[in-house]
Amino acid sequence: MHDIAHKKPKTVDDFQLEEIDGEVLLYSPKATRSIYLNPSASLIWRLCTGEFSTQEIIDSLREQFPDQAETIADDVMATLDQFVESQAVELVEPE
């Protein structure tokens, strides 16, 4: 597993979740840009509260979606990588 499994993803205040015509977008007024989120990315975003570690997010989604348990870890990591690269999420060390 990546070295971020113990870190706690936390959304950056500049980004807001917007639902427009059934599409879910992350929007940053400061950066004046949007990121399209598919349904699973939207769910992951909502779990990036800084309360849960990356591993806890993966475990939670595996419980909710057992049919997709094999691919969830890779999906969560790829989505978090995209969020971090877009500066929408920061990875916080646990206290």
PDB file of N, CA and C in Angstrom:
ATOM      1  N   MET A   1       0.849  -1.185   0.000  1.00  0.00           N
ATOM      2  CA  MET A   1       0.000   0.000   0.000  1.00  0.00           C
ATOM      3  C   MET A   1       0.889   1.242   0.000  1.00  0.00           C
ATOM      4  N   HIS A   2       0.378   2.280  -0.547  1.00  0.00           N
ATOM      5  CA  HIS A   2       1.111   3.535  -0.592  1.00  0.00           C
ATOM      6  C   HIS A   2       1.414   4.034   0.819  1.00  0.00           C
ATOM      7  N   ASP A   3       2.354   4.943   0.907  1.00  0.00           N
ATOM      8  CA  ASP A   3       2.707   5.498   2.202  1.00  0.00           C
ATOM      9  C   ASP A   3       1.674   6.494   2.708  1.00  0.00           C
ATOM     10  N   ILE A   4       0.604   6.725   1.959  1.00  0.00           N
ATOM     11  CA  ILE A   4      -0.425   7.658   2.414  1.00  0.00           C
ATOM     12  C   ILE A   4      -1.570   6.954   3.144  1.00  0.00           C
ATOM     13  N   ALA A   5      -1.488   5.637   3.312  1.00  0.00           N
ATOM     14  CA  ALA A   5      -2.593   4.881   3.916  1.00  0.00           C
ATOM     15  C   ALA A   5      -2.939   5.385   5.313  1.00  0.00           C
ATOM     16  N   HIS A   6      -1.939   5.844   6.071  1.00  0.00           N
ATOM     17  CA  HIS A   6      -2.190   6.312   7.435  1.00  0.00           C
ATOM     18  C   HIS A   6      -2.572   7.794   7.489  1.00  0.00           C
ATOM     19  N   LYS A   7      -2.334   8.528   6.398  1.00  0.00           N
ATOM     20  CA  LYS A   7      -2.624   9.963   6.396  1.00  0.00           C
ATOM     21  C   LYS A   7      -4.125  10.207   6.254  1.00  0.00           C
ATOM     22  N   LYS A   8      -4.548  11.365   6.720  1.00  0.00           N
ATOM     23  CA  LYS A   8      -5.966  11.715   6.708  1.00  0.00           C
ATOM     24  C   LYS A   8      -6.230  12.792   5.654  1.00  0.00           C
ATOM     25  N   PRO A   9      -6.890  12.409   4.570  1.00  0.00           N
ATOM     26  CA  PRO A   9      -7.208  13.398   3.536  1.00  0.00           C
ATOM     27  C   PRO A   9      -8.213  14.427   4.054  1.00  0.00           C
ATOM     28  N   LYS A  10      -7.931  15.685   3.769  1.00  0.00           N
ATOM     29  CA  LYS A  10      -8.802  16.774   4.207  1.00  0.00           C
ATOM     30  C   LYS A  10      -8.982  17.744   3.058  1.00  0.00           C
ATOM     31  N   THR A  11     -10.231  18.101   2.799  1.00  0.00           N
ATOM     32  CA  THR A  11     -10.509  19.022   1.706  1.00  0.00           C
ATOM     33  C   THR A  11      -9.933  20.398   2.015  1.00  0.00           C
ATOM     34  N   VAL A  12      -9.574  21.107   0.964  1.00  0.00           N
ATOM     35  CA  VAL A  12      -9.059  22.463   1.073  1.00  0.00           C
ATOM     36  C   VAL A  12     -10.252  23.415   0.999  1.00  0.00           C
ATOM     37  N   ASP A  13     -10.268  24.400   1.876  1.00  0.00           N
ATOM     38  CA  ASP A  13     -11.422  25.293   1.976  1.00  0.00           C
ATOM     39  C   ASP A  13     -11.770  26.006   0.676  1.00  0.00           C
ATOM     40  N   ASP A  14     -10.788  26.204  -0.194  1.00  0.00           N
ATOM     41  CA  ASP A  14     -11.039  26.940  -1.439  1.00  0.00           C
ATOM     42  C   ASP A  14     -11.997  26.208  -2.375  1.00  0.00           C
ATOM     43  N   PHE A  15     -12.126  24.894  -2.215  1.00  0.00           N
ATOM     44  CA  PHE A  15     -12.946  24.110  -3.137  1.00  0.00           C
ATOM     45  C   PHE A  15     -14.324  23.836  -2.559  1.00  0.00           C
ATOM     46  N   GLN A  16     -15.327  23.934  -3.428  1.00  0.00           N
ATOM     47  CA  GLN A  16     -16.708  23.685  -3.043  1.00  0.00           C
ATOM     48  C   GLN A  16     -17.294  22.640  -3.977  1.00  0.00           C
ATOM     49  N   LEU A  17     -18.172  21.814  -3.437  1.00  0.00           N
ATOM     50  CA  LEU A  17     -18.866  20.822  -4.242  1.00  0.00           C
ATOM     51  C   LEU A  17     -20.106  21.475  -4.815  1.00  0.00           C
ATOM     52  N   GLU A  18     -20.259  21.420  -6.122  1.00  0.00           N
ATOM     53  CA  GLU A  18     -21.406  22.019  -6.805  1.00  0.00           C
ATOM     54  C   GLU A  18     -22.098  20.952  -7.641  1.00  0.00           C
ATOM     55  N   GLU A  19     -23.414  20.905  -7.579  1.00  0.00           N
ATOM     56  CA  GLU A  19     -24.177  20.009  -8.450  1.00  0.00           C
ATOM     57  C   GLU A  19     -24.913  20.870  -9.453  1.00  0.00           C
ATOM     58  N   ILE A  20     -24.586  20.652 -10.733  1.00  0.00           N
ATOM     59  CA  ILE A  20     -25.161  21.454 -11.813  1.00  0.00           C
ATOM     60  C   ILE A  20     -25.687  20.505 -12.878  1.00  0.00           C
ATOM     61  N   ASP A  21     -26.976  20.553 -13.128  1.00  0.00           N
ATOM     62  CA  ASP A  21     -27.606  19.701 -14.142  1.00  0.00           C
ATOM     63  C   ASP A  21     -27.245  18.225 -13.963  1.00  0.00           C
ATOM     64  N   GLY A  22     -27.255  17.745 -12.718  1.00  0.00           N
ATOM     65  CA  GLY A  22     -26.965  16.341 -12.463  1.00  0.00           C
ATOM     66  C   GLY A  22     -25.483  15.988 -12.479  1.00  0.00           C
ATOM     67  N   GLU A  23     -24.632  16.929 -12.795  1.00  0.00           N
ATOM     68  CA  GLU A  23     -23.186  16.717 -12.791  1.00  0.00           C
ATOM     69  C   GLU A  23     -22.633  17.236 -11.469  1.00  0.00           C
ATOM     70  N   VAL A  24     -21.625  16.550 -10.957  1.00  0.00           N
ATOM     71  CA  VAL A  24     -20.992  16.990  -9.713  1.00  0.00           C
ATOM     72  C   VAL A  24     -19.621  17.559 -10.061  1.00  0.00           C
ATOM     73  N   LEU A  25     -19.400  18.793  -9.630  1.00  0.00           N
ATOM     74  CA  LEU A  25     -18.144  19.485  -9.909  1.00  0.00           C
ATOM     75  C   LEU A  25     -17.538  19.987  -8.610  1.00  0.00           C
ATOM     76  N   LEU A  26     -16.228  19.961  -8.553  1.00  0.00           N
ATOM     77  CA  LEU A  26     -15.497  20.674  -7.518  1.00  0.00           C
ATOM     78  C   LEU A  26     -15.121  22.004  -8.137  1.00  0.00           C
ATOM     79  N   TYR A  27     -15.425  23.070  -7.446  1.00  0.00           N
ATOM     80  CA  TYR A  27     -15.150  24.387  -8.004  1.00  0.00           C
ATOM     81  C   TYR A  27     -14.334  25.205  -7.014  1.00  0.00           C
ATOM     82  N   SER A  28     -13.330  25.871  -7.540  1.00  0.00           N
ATOM     83  CA  SER A  28     -12.525  26.772  -6.724  1.00  0.00           C
ATOM     84  C   SER A  28     -12.656  28.184  -7.289  1.00  0.00           C
ATOM     85  N   PRO A  29     -13.420  29.033  -6.603  1.00  0.00           N
ATOM     86  CA  PRO A  29     -13.541  30.420  -7.081  1.00  0.00           C
ATOM     87  C   PRO A  29     -12.187  31.123  -7.118  1.00  0.00           C
ATOM     88  N   LYS A  30     -11.323  30.795  -6.150  1.00  0.00           N
ATOM     89  CA  LYS A  30     -10.003  31.421  -6.074  1.00  0.00           C
ATOM     90  C   LYS A  30      -9.137  31.031  -7.275  1.00  0.00           C
ATOM     91  N   ALA A  31      -9.170  29.740  -7.619  1.00  0.00           N
ATOM     92  CA  ALA A  31      -8.363  29.260  -8.746  1.00  0.00           C
ATOM     93  C   ALA A  31      -9.130  29.324 -10.057  1.00  0.00           C
ATOM     94  N   THR A  32     -10.393  29.710  -9.973  1.00  0.00           N
ATOM     95  CA  THR A  32     -11.282  29.769 -11.135  1.00  0.00           C
ATOM     96  C   THR A  32     -11.160  28.536 -12.031  1.00  0.00           C
ATOM     97  N   ARG A  33     -11.345  27.380 -11.401  1.00  0.00           N
ATOM     98  CA  ARG A  33     -11.357  26.149 -12.178  1.00  0.00           C
ATOM     99  C   ARG A  33     -12.295  25.142 -11.546  1.00  0.00           C
ATOM    100  N   SER A  34     -12.707  24.178 -12.361  1.00  0.00           N
ATOM    101  CA  SER A  34     -13.615  23.132 -11.920  1.00  0.00           C
ATOM    102  C   SER A  34     -13.011  21.770 -12.214  1.00  0.00           C
ATOM    103  N   ILE A  35     -13.405  20.777 -11.410  1.00  0.00           N
ATOM    104  CA  ILE A  35     -12.993  19.397 -11.619  1.00  0.00           C
ATOM    105  C   ILE A  35     -14.258  18.559 -11.634  1.00  0.00           C
ATOM    106  N   TYR A  36     -14.495  17.826 -12.724  1.00  0.00           N
ATOM    107  CA  TYR A  36     -15.654  16.954 -12.815  1.00  0.00           C
ATOM    108  C   TYR A  36     -15.435  15.741 -11.930  1.00  0.00           C
ATOM    109  N   LEU A  37     -16.458  15.352 -11.166  1.00  0.00           N
ATOM    110  CA  LEU A  37     -16.369  14.174 -10.310  1.00  0.00           C
ATOM    111  C   LEU A  37     -17.394  13.132 -10.742  1.00  0.00           C
ATOM    112  N   ASN A  38     -16.940  11.903 -10.939  1.00  0.00           N
ATOM    113  CA  ASN A  38     -17.896  10.831 -11.164  1.00  0.00           C
ATOM    114  C   ASN A  38     -18.487  10.467  -9.799  1.00  0.00           C
ATOM    115  N   PRO A  39     -19.513   9.610  -9.751  1.00  0.00           N
ATOM    116  CA  PRO A  39     -20.162   9.319  -8.464  1.00  0.00           C
ATOM    117  C   PRO A  39     -19.215   8.778  -7.390  1.00  0.00           C
ATOM    118  N   SER A  40     -18.273   7.927  -7.757  1.00  0.00           N
ATOM    119  CA  SER A  40     -17.369   7.396  -6.733  1.00  0.00           C
ATOM    120  C   SER A  40     -16.398   8.465  -6.250  1.00  0.00           C
ATOM    121  N   ALA A  41     -15.917   9.320  -7.123  1.00  0.00           N
ATOM    122  CA  ALA A  41     -15.029  10.413  -6.707  1.00  0.00           C
ATOM    123  C   ALA A  41     -15.767  11.392  -5.796  1.00  0.00           C
ATOM    124  N   SER A  42     -17.036  11.615  -6.088  1.00  0.00           N
ATOM    125  CA  SER A  42     -17.852  12.491  -5.252  1.00  0.00           C
ATOM    126  C   SER A  42     -17.994  11.916  -3.844  1.00  0.00           C
ATOM    127  N   LEU A  43     -18.198  10.608  -3.756  1.00  0.00           N
ATOM    128  CA  LEU A  43     -18.304   9.938  -2.454  1.00  0.00           C
ATOM    129  C   LEU A  43     -16.989  10.027  -1.690  1.00  0.00           C
ATOM    130  N   ILE A  44     -15.879   9.815  -2.382  1.00  0.00           N
ATOM    131  CA  ILE A  44     -14.559   9.914  -1.752  1.00  0.00           C
ATOM    132  C   ILE A  44     -14.335  11.338  -1.236  1.00  0.00           C
ATOM    133  N   TRP A  45     -14.692  12.343  -2.041  1.00  0.00           N
ATOM    134  CA  TRP A  45     -14.555  13.743  -1.633  1.00  0.00           C
ATOM    135  C   TRP A  45     -15.278  13.996  -0.304  1.00  0.00           C
ATOM    136  N   ARG A  46     -16.492  13.463  -0.211  1.00  0.00           N
ATOM    137  CA  ARG A  46     -17.296  13.690   0.994  1.00  0.00           C
ATOM    138  C   ARG A  46     -16.675  13.031   2.235  1.00  0.00           C
ATOM    139  N   LEU A  47     -15.813  12.033   2.030  1.00  0.00           N
ATOM    140  CA  LEU A  47     -15.155  11.366   3.150  1.00  0.00           C
ATOM    141  C   LEU A  47     -13.825  12.022   3.526  1.00  0.00           C
ATOM    142  N   CYS A  48     -13.398  12.993   2.751  1.00  0.00           N
ATOM    143  CA  CYS A  48     -12.120  13.681   3.018  1.00  0.00           C
ATOM    144  C   CYS A  48     -12.346  14.812   4.015  1.00  0.00           C
ATOM    145  N   THR A  49     -12.649  14.430   5.231  1.00  0.00           N
ATOM    146  CA  THR A  49     -12.968  15.400   6.276  1.00  0.00           C
ATOM    147  C   THR A  49     -11.790  15.680   7.196  1.00  0.00           C
ATOM    148  N   GLY A  50     -10.723  14.897   7.033  1.00  0.00           N
ATOM    149  CA  GLY A  50      -9.595  15.001   7.958  1.00  0.00           C
ATOM    150  C   GLY A  50      -9.785  14.112   9.170  1.00  0.00           C
ATOM    151  N   GLU A  51     -10.959  13.475   9.258  1.00  0.00           N
ATOM    152  CA  GLU A  51     -11.265  12.598  10.389  1.00  0.00           C
ATOM    153  C   GLU A  51     -10.818  11.159  10.124  1.00  0.00           C
ATOM    154  N   PHE A  52     -10.873  10.736   8.843  1.00  0.00           N
ATOM    155  CA  PHE A  52     -10.592   9.354   8.480  1.00  0.00           C
ATOM    156  C   PHE A  52      -9.267   9.239   7.743  1.00  0.00           C
ATOM    157  N   SER A  53      -8.529   8.169   8.023  1.00  0.00           N
ATOM    158  CA  SER A  53      -7.308   7.912   7.264  1.00  0.00           C
ATOM    159  C   SER A  53      -7.692   7.371   5.888  1.00  0.00           C
ATOM    160  N   THR A  54      -6.733   7.400   4.985  1.00  0.00           N
ATOM    161  CA  THR A  54      -6.956   6.838   3.653  1.00  0.00           C
ATOM    162  C   THR A  54      -7.394   5.380   3.762  1.00  0.00           C
ATOM    163  N   GLN A  55      -6.741   4.622   4.638  1.00  0.00           N
ATOM    164  CA  GLN A  55      -7.099   3.210   4.810  1.00  0.00           C
ATOM    165  C   GLN A  55      -8.519   3.060   5.342  1.00  0.00           C
ATOM    166  N   GLU A  56      -8.929   3.934   6.253  1.00  0.00           N
ATOM    167  CA  GLU A  56     -10.293   3.877   6.779  1.00  0.00           C
ATOM    168  C   GLU A  56     -11.318   4.190   5.694  1.00  0.00           C
ATOM    169  N   ILE A  57     -10.995   5.107   4.795  1.00  0.00           N
ATOM    170  CA  ILE A  57     -11.886   5.407   3.670  1.00  0.00           C
ATOM    171  C   ILE A  57     -12.019   4.171   2.780  1.00  0.00           C
ATOM    172  N   ILE A  58     -10.899   3.548   2.474  1.00  0.00           N
ATOM    173  CA  ILE A  58     -10.908   2.338   1.649  1.00  0.00           C
ATOM    174  C   ILE A  58     -11.744   1.249   2.322  1.00  0.00           C
ATOM    175  N   ASP A  59     -11.517   1.019   3.605  1.00  0.00           N
ATOM    176  CA  ASP A  59     -12.248  -0.026   4.337  1.00  0.00           C
ATOM    177  C   ASP A  59     -13.746   0.262   4.360  1.00  0.00           C
ATOM    178  N   SER A  60     -14.111   1.516   4.577  1.00  0.00           N
ATOM    179  CA  SER A  60     -15.521   1.900   4.596  1.00  0.00           C
ATOM    180  C   SER A  60     -16.190   1.633   3.249  1.00  0.00           C
ATOM    181  N   LEU A  61     -15.505   2.016   2.173  1.00  0.00           N
ATOM    182  CA  LEU A  61     -16.082   1.811   0.840  1.00  0.00           C
ATOM    183  C   LEU A  61     -16.150   0.328   0.494  1.00  0.00           C
ATOM    184  N   ARG A  62     -15.191  -0.455   0.949  1.00  0.00           N
ATOM    185  CA  ARG A  62     -15.241  -1.908   0.725  1.00  0.00           C
ATOM    186  C   ARG A  62     -16.455  -2.525   1.417  1.00  0.00           C
ATOM    187  N   GLU A  63     -16.786  -2.014   2.604  1.00  0.00           N
ATOM    188  CA  GLU A  63     -17.965  -2.513   3.320  1.00  0.00           C
ATOM    189  C   GLU A  63     -19.246  -2.130   2.583  1.00  0.00           C
ATOM    190  N   GLN A  64     -19.284  -0.907   2.053  1.00  0.00           N
ATOM    191  CA  GLN A  64     -20.478  -0.427   1.363  1.00  0.00           C
ATOM    192  C   GLN A  64     -20.652  -1.047  -0.017  1.00  0.00           C
ATOM    193  N   PHE A  65     -19.535  -1.381  -0.670  1.00  0.00           N
ATOM    194  CA  PHE A  65     -19.570  -1.892  -2.042  1.00  0.00           C
ATOM    195  C   PHE A  65     -18.731  -3.166  -2.154  1.00  0.00           C
ATOM    196  N   PRO A  66     -19.168  -4.258  -1.512  1.00  0.00           N
ATOM    197  CA  PRO A  66     -18.358  -5.488  -1.502  1.00  0.00           C
ATOM    198  C   PRO A  66     -18.117  -6.069  -2.895  1.00  0.00           C
ATOM    199  N   ASP A  67     -19.006  -5.820  -3.838  1.00  0.00           N
ATOM    200  CA  ASP A  67     -18.823  -6.335  -5.202  1.00  0.00           C
ATOM    201  C   ASP A  67     -17.618  -5.712  -5.891  1.00  0.00           C
ATOM    202  N   GLN A  68     -17.198  -4.543  -5.432  1.00  0.00           N
ATOM    203  CA  GLN A  68     -16.073  -3.840  -6.057  1.00  0.00           C
ATOM    204  C   GLN A  68     -14.853  -3.771  -5.134  1.00  0.00           C
ATOM    205  N   ALA A  69     -14.844  -4.624  -4.115  1.00  0.00           N
ATOM    206  CA  ALA A  69     -13.791  -4.569  -3.094  1.00  0.00           C
ATOM    207  C   ALA A  69     -12.385  -4.663  -3.672  1.00  0.00           C
ATOM    208  N   GLU A  70     -12.213  -5.430  -4.735  1.00  0.00           N
ATOM    209  CA  GLU A  70     -10.875  -5.638  -5.304  1.00  0.00           C
ATOM    210  C   GLU A  70     -10.295  -4.376  -5.933  1.00  0.00           C
ATOM    211  N   THR A  71     -11.144  -3.516  -6.453  1.00  0.00           N
ATOM    212  CA  THR A  71     -10.648  -2.331  -7.166  1.00  0.00           C
ATOM    213  C   THR A  71     -10.726  -1.041  -6.349  1.00  0.00           C
ATOM    214  N   ILE A  72     -11.377  -1.093  -5.204  1.00  0.00           N
ATOM    215  CA  ILE A  72     -11.610   0.131  -4.434  1.00  0.00           C
ATOM    216  C   ILE A  72     -10.316   0.810  -3.988  1.00  0.00           C
ATOM    217  N   ALA A  73      -9.348   0.049  -3.504  1.00  0.00           N
ATOM    218  CA  ALA A  73      -8.098   0.667  -3.025  1.00  0.00           C
ATOM    219  C   ALA A  73      -7.421   1.460  -4.142  1.00  0.00           C
ATOM    220  N   ASP A  74      -7.317   0.855  -5.329  1.00  0.00           N
ATOM    221  CA  ASP A  74      -6.686   1.560  -6.457  1.00  0.00           C
ATOM    222  C   ASP A  74      -7.495   2.790  -6.852  1.00  0.00           C
ATOM    223  N   ASP A  75      -8.824   2.660  -6.846  1.00  0.00           N
ATOM    224  CA  ASP A  75      -9.688   3.794  -7.207  1.00  0.00           C
ATOM    225  C   ASP A  75      -9.535   4.943  -6.213  1.00  0.00           C
ATOM    226  N   VAL A  76      -9.506   4.617  -4.921  1.00  0.00           N
ATOM    227  CA  VAL A  76      -9.360   5.657  -3.899  1.00  0.00           C
ATOM    228  C   VAL A  76      -8.004   6.337  -4.040  1.00  0.00           C
ATOM    229  N   MET A  77      -6.949   5.556  -4.209  1.00  0.00           N
ATOM    230  CA  MET A  77      -5.609   6.138  -4.346  1.00  0.00           C
ATOM    231  C   MET A  77      -5.508   7.037  -5.575  1.00  0.00           C
ATOM    232  N   ALA A  78      -6.054   6.582  -6.702  1.00  0.00           N
ATOM    233  CA  ALA A  78      -6.010   7.385  -7.933  1.00  0.00           C
ATOM    234  C   ALA A  78      -6.805   8.677  -7.761  1.00  0.00           C
ATOM    235  N   THR A  79      -7.960   8.575  -7.111  1.00  0.00           N
ATOM    236  CA  THR A  79      -8.791   9.765  -6.896  1.00  0.00           C
ATOM    237  C   THR A  79      -8.101  10.738  -5.952  1.00  0.00           C
ATOM    238  N   LEU A  80      -7.524  10.228  -4.872  1.00  0.00           N
ATOM    239  CA  LEU A  80      -6.806  11.112  -3.943  1.00  0.00           C
ATOM    240  C   LEU A  80      -5.597  11.751  -4.614  1.00  0.00           C
ATOM    241  N   ASP A  81      -4.895  10.988  -5.448  1.00  0.00           N
ATOM    242  CA  ASP A  81      -3.770  11.561  -6.200  1.00  0.00           C
ATOM    243  C   ASP A  81      -4.245  12.738  -7.045  1.00  0.00           C
ATOM    244  N   GLN A  82      -5.393  12.568  -7.706  1.00  0.00           N
ATOM    245  CA  GLN A  82      -5.952  13.649  -8.540  1.00  0.00           C
ATOM    246  C   GLN A  82      -6.329  14.847  -7.673  1.00  0.00           C
ATOM    247  N   PHE A  83      -6.956  14.592  -6.525  1.00  0.00           N
ATOM    248  CA  PHE A  83      -7.339  15.691  -5.630  1.00  0.00           C
ATOM    249  C   PHE A  83      -6.113  16.442  -5.121  1.00  0.00           C
ATOM    250  N   VAL A  84      -5.082  15.707  -4.725  1.00  0.00           N
ATOM    251  CA  VAL A  84      -3.862  16.338  -4.205  1.00  0.00           C
ATOM    252  C   VAL A  84      -3.175  17.138  -5.312  1.00  0.00           C
ATOM    253  N   GLU A  85      -3.074  16.541  -6.507  1.00  0.00           N
ATOM    254  CA  GLU A  85      -2.450  17.241  -7.637  1.00  0.00           C
ATOM    255  C   GLU A  85      -3.198  18.522  -7.977  1.00  0.00           C
ATOM    256  N   SER A  86      -4.513  18.501  -7.831  1.00  0.00           N
ATOM    257  CA  SER A  86      -5.345  19.677  -8.124  1.00  0.00           C
ATOM    258  C   SER A  86      -5.387  20.654  -6.950  1.00  0.00           C
ATOM    259  N   GLN A  87      -4.707  20.305  -5.871  1.00  0.00           N
ATOM    260  CA  GLN A  87      -4.657  21.111  -4.648  1.00  0.00           C
ATOM    261  C   GLN A  87      -6.039  21.290  -4.019  1.00  0.00           C
ATOM    262  N   ALA A  88      -6.905  20.258  -4.201  1.00  0.00           N
ATOM    263  CA  ALA A  88      -8.240  20.274  -3.617  1.00  0.00           C
ATOM    264  C   ALA A  88      -8.259  19.550  -2.273  1.00  0.00           C
ATOM    265  N   VAL A  89      -7.264  18.688  -2.042  1.00  0.00           N
ATOM    266  CA  VAL A  89      -7.166  17.917  -0.804  1.00  0.00           C
ATOM    267  C   VAL A  89      -5.719  17.959  -0.330  1.00  0.00           C
ATOM    268  N   GLU A  90      -5.551  18.015   0.974  1.00  0.00           N
ATOM    269  CA  GLU A  90      -4.229  17.895   1.558  1.00  0.00           C
ATOM    270  C   GLU A  90      -4.214  16.642   2.420  1.00  0.00           C
ATOM    271  N   LEU A  91      -3.076  15.993   2.486  1.00  0.00           N
ATOM    272  CA  LEU A  91      -2.926  14.795   3.297  1.00  0.00           C
ATOM    273  C   LEU A  91      -2.273  15.165   4.619  1.00  0.00           C
ATOM    274  N   VAL A  92      -3.019  14.981   5.689  1.00  0.00           N
ATOM    275  CA  VAL A  92      -2.606  15.418   7.012  1.00  0.00           C
ATOM    276  C   VAL A  92      -2.082  14.216   7.800  1.00  0.00           C
ATOM    277  N   GLU A  93      -0.962  14.406   8.472  1.00  0.00           N
ATOM    278  CA  GLU A  93      -0.433  13.370   9.364  1.00  0.00           C
ATOM    279  C   GLU A  93      -1.373  13.234  10.555  1.00  0.00           C
ATOM    280  N   PRO A  94      -1.645  11.982  10.981  1.00  0.00           N
ATOM    281  CA  PRO A  94      -2.495  11.820  12.164  1.00  0.00           C
ATOM    282  C   PRO A  94      -1.800  12.368  13.408  1.00  0.00           C
ATOM    283  N   GLU A  95      -2.585  12.823  14.342  1.00  0.00           N
ATOM    284  CA  GLU A  95      -2.027  13.407  15.584  1.00  0.00           C
ATOM    285  C   GLU A  95      -1.607  12.326  16.546  1.00  0.00           C
TER     286      GLU A  95
END
